[in-house]
Amino acid sequence: MHVSRRASLAVASLTCGALAFGAVGTTIALADQPASGGTVRPAVAAPDPAAALGVLSKFSVVGDVVKALTAAAQTPPDLAAVTNLVATAKTALDGVVGTLPVPKPGQHRAATPDPGALVAQAVAQLKTVLDNVVAAVTSKDPAKIVAALTAAVPAVVNLVASLLLGGGLPLPSLPGLPGLPSVPPLPLPSLPVPLPSLPIGGL
């Protein structure tokens, strides 16, 4: 089977995608900053270090998922090993849902989705992707395996992004990282408001 090279590229891109904090940081800035014409405010420290560490510990599930995907990218993949690693990853994913701290009022803009719902959605998507990986390995079809691994890349990145957005973590502040763009002001719609006729002279 010619799975190793193409599938390995897909798995390797998980690391690049998961660590693309520039793009994710931009998303966080757009979600957390007020709509104004000024520049984005600098990152602030997490108000509760213990809570932030609790959120960061959830990222270990990404390692479990990558182990399962790496096993599926082998030539030929060991179905028993992939099945066991996927089961471990899915158990770890179950432990992520519903464990993030509730954001304080004003921490997220009202227009953004509920952070816990975003994480739950990303977890559900990733579990479906892992099931598809097992099915592809079971079929022993190299094309299906590559397709399943390729679909796993955005699913893993979605989980990383939802954890960053939902956990109340500070924005990246490492010198040399790409700057975050300013948020353009939102246009105010001009709504025709009819003025009622006012009585004149006490009439």
Protein backbone atom coordinates (compact mmCIF):
# COMPACT_ATOMS: atom_id res chain seq x y z
CA MET A 1 0.00 0.00 0.00
CA HIS A 2 1.19 3.53 -0.71
CA VAL A 3 -0.19 5.11 2.43
CA SER A 4 2.87 6.06 4.39
CA ARG A 5 4.13 9.15 2.52
CA ARG A 6 0.79 10.84 1.80
CA ALA A 7 -0.77 9.93 5.13
CA SER A 8 2.33 10.96 7.03
CA LEU A 9 2.11 14.40 5.40
CA ALA A 10 -1.46 14.68 6.64
CA VAL A 11 -0.52 13.66 10.17
CA ALA A 12 2.54 15.90 10.20
CA SER A 13 0.40 18.87 9.26
CA LEU A 14 -1.58 18.32 12.48
CA THR A 15 1.33 19.73 14.43
CA CYS A 16 1.64 22.76 12.18
CA GLY A 17 -2.10 23.38 12.23
CA ALA A 18 -2.46 22.89 15.96
CA LEU A 19 0.39 25.30 16.66
CA ALA A 20 -0.78 27.99 14.24
CA PHE A 21 -1.56 30.33 17.09
CA GLY A 22 -1.23 33.38 14.86
CA ALA A 23 -4.46 32.58 13.05
CA VAL A 24 -6.15 31.34 16.19
CA GLY A 25 -4.96 34.38 18.11
CA THR A 26 -6.52 36.59 15.47
CA THR A 27 -9.81 34.79 15.96
CA ILE A 28 -9.57 35.28 19.71
CA ALA A 29 -8.84 38.97 19.27
CA LEU A 30 -11.83 39.45 17.00
CA ALA A 31 -14.05 37.65 19.49
CA ASP A 32 -12.80 39.35 22.64
CA GLN A 33 -12.00 42.90 21.59
CA PRO A 34 -14.63 45.64 21.40
CA ALA A 35 -15.73 46.86 18.00
CA SER A 36 -13.79 50.07 17.59
CA GLY A 37 -11.40 51.65 15.17
CA GLY A 38 -8.48 51.46 17.59
CA THR A 39 -5.75 48.90 17.70
CA VAL A 40 -6.14 45.59 19.47
CA ARG A 41 -5.24 45.81 23.11
CA PRO A 42 -2.19 43.84 24.30
CA ALA A 43 -2.69 40.42 25.83
CA VAL A 44 -3.44 40.26 29.52
CA ALA A 45 -2.58 37.53 31.97
CA ALA A 46 -5.18 34.94 32.87
CA PRO A 47 -6.98 36.11 36.02
CA ASP A 48 -6.77 32.64 37.59
CA PRO A 49 -3.53 30.71 36.91
CA ALA A 50 -4.97 27.49 38.37
CA ALA A 51 -7.94 27.67 36.01
CA ALA A 52 -5.65 28.41 33.06
CA LEU A 53 -3.49 25.40 33.89
CA GLY A 54 -6.61 23.28 34.05
CA VAL A 55 -7.52 24.38 30.53
CA LEU A 56 -4.00 23.76 29.26
CA SER A 57 -4.09 20.22 30.64
CA LYS A 58 -6.97 19.51 28.25
CA PHE A 59 -4.59 19.87 25.31
CA SER A 60 -3.09 16.48 26.20
CA VAL A 61 -6.04 14.95 24.36
CA VAL A 62 -4.50 16.24 21.12
CA GLY A 63 -1.53 13.94 21.74
CA ASP A 64 -3.84 10.95 22.17
CA VAL A 65 -5.57 11.77 18.88
CA VAL A 66 -2.27 12.21 17.03
CA LYS A 67 -1.04 8.82 18.31
CA ALA A 68 -4.12 7.16 16.86
CA LEU A 69 -3.75 8.95 13.54
CA THR A 70 -0.04 8.17 13.38
CA ALA A 71 -0.78 4.47 13.88
CA ALA A 72 -3.32 4.64 11.06
CA ALA A 73 -0.68 6.17 8.79
CA GLN A 74 1.66 3.21 9.11
CA THR A 75 2.21 0.82 6.18
CA PRO A 76 0.34 -1.39 6.68
CA PRO A 77 -1.65 -0.09 9.67
CA ASP A 78 -2.29 -2.45 12.58
CA LEU A 79 -6.08 -2.51 12.96
CA ALA A 80 -5.98 -3.68 16.59
CA ALA A 81 -3.50 -0.95 17.55
CA VAL A 82 -5.48 1.75 15.74
CA THR A 83 -8.74 0.59 17.33
CA ASN A 84 -7.24 0.66 20.83
CA LEU A 85 -5.63 4.07 20.35
CA VAL A 86 -8.85 5.52 18.93
CA ALA A 87 -10.77 4.18 21.93
CA THR A 88 -8.25 5.85 24.27
CA ALA A 89 -8.51 9.12 22.36
CA LYS A 90 -12.31 9.10 22.41
CA THR A 91 -12.31 8.47 26.17
CA ALA A 92 -9.98 11.45 26.61
CA LEU A 93 -12.27 13.55 24.40
CA ASP A 94 -15.24 12.66 26.60
CA GLY A 95 -13.30 14.04 29.56
CA VAL A 96 -12.90 17.44 27.88
CA VAL A 97 -16.59 18.21 27.38
CA GLY A 98 -18.21 20.14 30.21
CA THR A 99 -15.02 20.69 32.19
CA LEU A 100 -13.99 24.15 31.02
CA PRO A 101 -14.47 27.10 33.38
CA VAL A 102 -17.48 29.29 32.77
CA PRO A 103 -16.33 32.64 31.30
CA LYS A 104 -17.01 35.69 33.45
CA PRO A 105 -19.54 38.25 32.22
CA GLY A 106 -17.98 40.45 29.59
CA GLN A 107 -15.11 38.03 28.90
CA HIS A 108 -16.64 37.06 25.55
CA ARG A 109 -18.76 39.17 23.26
CA ALA A 110 -22.42 38.30 23.28
CA ALA A 111 -22.33 37.67 19.52
CA THR A 112 -19.91 34.75 19.88
CA PRO A 113 -21.23 31.21 20.45
CA ASP A 114 -21.16 29.64 23.88
CA PRO A 115 -17.56 28.44 24.48
CA GLY A 116 -18.69 25.14 25.98
CA ALA A 117 -20.91 24.49 22.97
CA LEU A 118 -17.97 25.14 20.64
CA VAL A 119 -15.83 22.60 22.47
CA ALA A 120 -18.63 20.04 22.48
CA GLN A 121 -19.15 20.54 18.74
CA ALA A 122 -15.42 20.14 18.03
CA VAL A 123 -15.26 16.99 20.17
CA ALA A 124 -18.26 15.44 18.43
CA GLN A 125 -16.74 16.22 15.02
CA LEU A 126 -13.39 14.71 15.99
CA LYS A 127 -14.97 11.53 17.39
CA THR A 128 -16.79 11.04 14.09
CA VAL A 129 -13.52 11.54 12.22
CA LEU A 130 -11.82 8.92 14.40
CA ASP A 131 -14.62 6.44 13.67
CA ASN A 132 -14.07 7.09 9.98
CA VAL A 133 -10.35 6.41 10.40
CA VAL A 134 -11.06 3.02 11.97
CA ALA A 135 -13.51 2.20 9.19
CA ALA A 136 -10.92 3.19 6.56
CA VAL A 137 -8.20 1.05 8.17
CA THR A 138 -10.65 -1.85 8.37
CA SER A 139 -11.33 -1.53 4.63
CA LYS A 140 -7.58 -1.73 3.86
CA ASP A 141 -8.18 0.82 1.10
CA PRO A 142 -5.22 3.26 0.92
CA ALA A 143 -7.32 6.00 -0.69
CA LYS A 144 -9.91 5.83 2.09
CA ILE A 145 -7.21 5.91 4.75
CA VAL A 146 -5.60 9.00 3.25
CA ALA A 147 -9.00 10.70 2.94
CA ALA A 148 -9.85 9.92 6.58
CA LEU A 149 -6.50 11.22 7.82
CA THR A 150 -6.80 14.35 5.71
CA ALA A 151 -10.24 15.06 7.19
CA ALA A 152 -8.73 14.69 10.66
CA VAL A 153 -6.45 17.71 10.21
CA PRO A 154 -9.12 20.46 10.36
CA ALA A 155 -11.02 18.52 13.03
CA VAL A 156 -8.00 18.57 15.35
CA VAL A 157 -7.33 22.24 14.62
CA ASN A 158 -10.99 23.00 15.40
CA LEU A 159 -10.60 21.35 18.80
CA VAL A 160 -7.45 23.34 19.56
CA ALA A 161 -9.13 26.58 18.52
CA SER A 162 -12.26 25.89 20.57
CA LEU A 163 -10.18 25.14 23.66
CA LEU A 164 -8.27 28.39 23.22
CA LEU A 165 -11.46 30.38 22.70
CA GLY A 166 -13.45 28.72 25.45
CA GLY A 167 -10.95 28.54 28.26
CA GLY A 168 -10.30 32.21 28.95
CA LEU A 169 -6.60 31.86 28.17
CA PRO A 170 -4.51 34.98 27.51
CA LEU A 171 -3.56 35.93 23.96
CA PRO A 172 -0.09 34.93 22.73
CA SER A 173 2.54 37.52 23.67
CA LEU A 174 5.82 36.00 22.38
CA PRO A 175 7.96 38.70 20.70
CA GLY A 176 8.22 38.08 16.98
CA LEU A 177 4.76 36.58 16.54
CA PRO A 178 2.73 38.22 13.77
CA GLY A 179 0.80 41.22 15.02
CA LEU A 180 -2.94 41.00 15.36
CA PRO A 181 -4.95 43.28 13.09
CA SER A 182 -7.14 46.05 14.40
CA VAL A 183 -10.86 45.46 14.43
CA PRO A 184 -12.72 47.71 11.96
CA PRO A 185 -15.67 49.65 13.35
CA LEU A 186 -19.04 48.11 12.75
CA PRO A 187 -21.30 50.25 10.52
CA LEU A 188 -24.42 51.47 12.21
CA PRO A 189 -27.51 50.91 10.08
CA SER A 190 -29.52 53.99 9.23
CA LEU A 191 -33.04 53.15 10.19
CA PRO A 192 -35.84 55.59 9.25
CA VAL A 193 -37.53 56.42 12.51
CA PRO A 194 -40.85 58.29 12.02
CA LEU A 195 -41.30 61.17 14.42
CA PRO A 196 -44.77 61.54 15.94
CA SER A 197 -46.56 64.84 15.44
CA LEU A 198 -46.32 66.93 18.57
CA PRO A 199 -49.11 69.24 19.78
CA ILE A 200 -48.30 72.90 19.26
CA GLY A 201 -49.51 75.64 21.52
CA GLY A 202 -51.18 73.24 23.91
CA LEU A 203 -53.63 71.98 21.24
